[in-house]
Protein backbone atom coordinates (compact mmCIF):
# COMPACT_ATOMS: atom_id res chain seq x y z
CA MET A 1 94.12 -11.74 -27.45
CA SER A 2 90.69 -12.77 -28.70
CA VAL A 3 88.15 -10.21 -29.88
CA ASN A 4 85.88 -11.02 -26.94
CA ARG A 5 88.72 -10.58 -24.45
CA ARG A 6 89.70 -7.23 -26.01
CA ALA A 7 86.09 -6.06 -25.74
CA VAL A 8 85.97 -7.08 -22.07
CA VAL A 9 89.21 -5.20 -21.39
CA TRP A 10 87.76 -2.05 -23.00
CA PHE A 11 84.54 -2.44 -21.00
CA ASP A 12 86.41 -3.03 -17.72
CA GLU A 13 88.33 0.20 -18.34
CA ALA A 14 85.02 1.98 -18.96
CA VAL A 15 83.65 0.75 -15.64
CA GLU A 16 86.80 1.88 -13.84
CA ASP A 17 86.53 5.35 -15.37
CA LEU A 18 82.86 5.55 -14.40
CA GLU A 19 83.63 4.56 -10.80
CA THR A 20 86.48 7.10 -10.68
CA GLY A 21 84.18 9.78 -12.06
CA LYS A 22 81.57 9.05 -9.39
CA LYS A 23 84.16 9.40 -6.62
CA LEU A 24 85.44 12.66 -8.09
CA PHE A 25 81.88 13.96 -8.34
CA GLU A 26 81.27 13.11 -4.68
CA ALA A 27 84.46 15.05 -3.85
CA SER A 28 83.14 18.09 -5.79
CA ARG A 29 85.87 17.66 -8.43
CA TYR A 30 83.37 18.23 -11.23
CA ALA A 31 85.69 18.95 -14.15
CA HIS A 32 87.62 15.74 -13.61
CA ALA A 33 84.40 13.82 -12.95
CA CYS A 34 83.13 14.98 -16.34
CA PHE A 35 86.38 13.94 -18.01
CA HIS A 36 86.10 10.44 -16.54
CA ALA A 37 82.44 10.25 -17.57
CA GLN A 38 83.50 11.06 -21.13
CA GLN A 39 86.24 8.44 -20.95
CA ALA A 40 83.80 5.84 -19.62
CA ALA A 41 81.42 6.47 -22.51
CA GLU A 42 84.26 6.42 -25.05
CA LYS A 43 85.65 3.12 -23.78
CA ALA A 44 82.19 1.52 -23.53
CA LEU A 45 81.50 2.48 -27.16
CA GLU A 46 84.93 1.14 -28.16
CA ALA A 47 84.08 -2.11 -26.37
CA LEU A 48 80.94 -2.42 -28.50
CA ILE A 49 82.88 -1.64 -31.65
CA VAL A 50 85.49 -4.28 -30.82
CA ALA A 51 82.86 -6.86 -29.90
CA ARG A 52 80.59 -6.35 -32.88
CA LEU A 53 82.79 -4.88 -35.62
CA HIS A 54 86.12 -6.46 -34.64
CA ARG A 55 88.13 -3.26 -34.90
CA ILE A 56 89.15 -0.24 -32.87
CA GLU A 57 88.18 3.28 -33.87
CA HIS A 58 90.80 5.83 -32.91
CA SER A 59 88.53 8.70 -31.96
CA HIS A 60 87.56 10.58 -28.83
CA ASP A 61 84.38 11.93 -30.45
CA LEU A 62 81.46 10.13 -28.85
CA VAL A 63 79.09 11.06 -31.66
CA GLU A 64 81.46 9.56 -34.22
CA LEU A 65 81.92 6.40 -32.14
CA TYR A 66 78.17 6.05 -31.63
CA GLU A 67 77.58 6.26 -35.38
CA HIS A 68 79.50 2.98 -35.71
CA VAL A 69 77.17 1.13 -33.33
CA SER A 70 73.86 2.97 -33.69
CA SER A 71 72.49 0.39 -36.12
CA PHE A 72 72.45 -2.23 -33.36
CA VAL A 73 72.44 -0.17 -30.12
CA LYS A 74 70.04 2.68 -29.40
CA LEU A 75 70.99 5.08 -26.62
CA GLU A 76 68.24 7.15 -25.04
CA CYS A 77 70.91 9.71 -24.22
CA ALA A 78 72.39 9.91 -27.74
CA ASP A 79 71.40 13.58 -27.98
CA LYS A 80 73.66 14.27 -24.96
CA LEU A 81 76.77 12.78 -26.57
CA PRO A 82 78.03 16.05 -28.12
CA ALA A 83 78.02 17.79 -24.73
CA LEU A 84 79.70 14.86 -22.98
CA SER A 85 82.21 14.53 -25.79
CA ALA A 86 83.36 18.11 -25.28
CA PHE A 87 84.59 17.26 -21.78
CA TYR A 88 87.45 15.27 -23.30
CA THR A 89 89.19 18.60 -23.86
CA GLN A 90 87.31 21.07 -21.67
CA ALA A 91 87.91 19.23 -18.41
CA ARG A 92 91.64 18.88 -18.95
CA TYR A 93 92.69 22.38 -19.89
CA PRO A 94 91.96 25.57 -17.95
CA ASN A 95 91.60 27.63 -21.13
CA ALA A 96 89.25 25.25 -22.96
CA GLY A 97 86.00 26.91 -21.93
CA LEU A 98 84.97 25.15 -18.73
CA LEU A 99 84.52 27.54 -15.82
CA ARG A 100 85.97 26.32 -12.55
CA ARG A 101 85.71 27.40 -8.97
CA LEU A 102 88.81 29.16 -7.76
CA ARG A 103 90.42 27.41 -4.80
CA ARG A 104 91.90 30.58 -3.29
């Protein structure tokens, strides 16, 4: 698979995660919406890394991924990346620090 095709595949996955996150948010499933938002950002950054640097970084840390592309892409929301990055773990595990509404 060409580098461009791999980048498009990563970006398409990012868009799918973003769309999923929006639907979960609308359904008041906030923890899972945040997880998918984190995944969308991670995959979009990976798409940039693949497209421009021709490699894949194996990290879930959005700050670390952004450092690889920050010389050619400036994000206005870069200061929010640490908080969004934390949802990779917090949204998936009930004991990871994210408070949830009880369903009962």
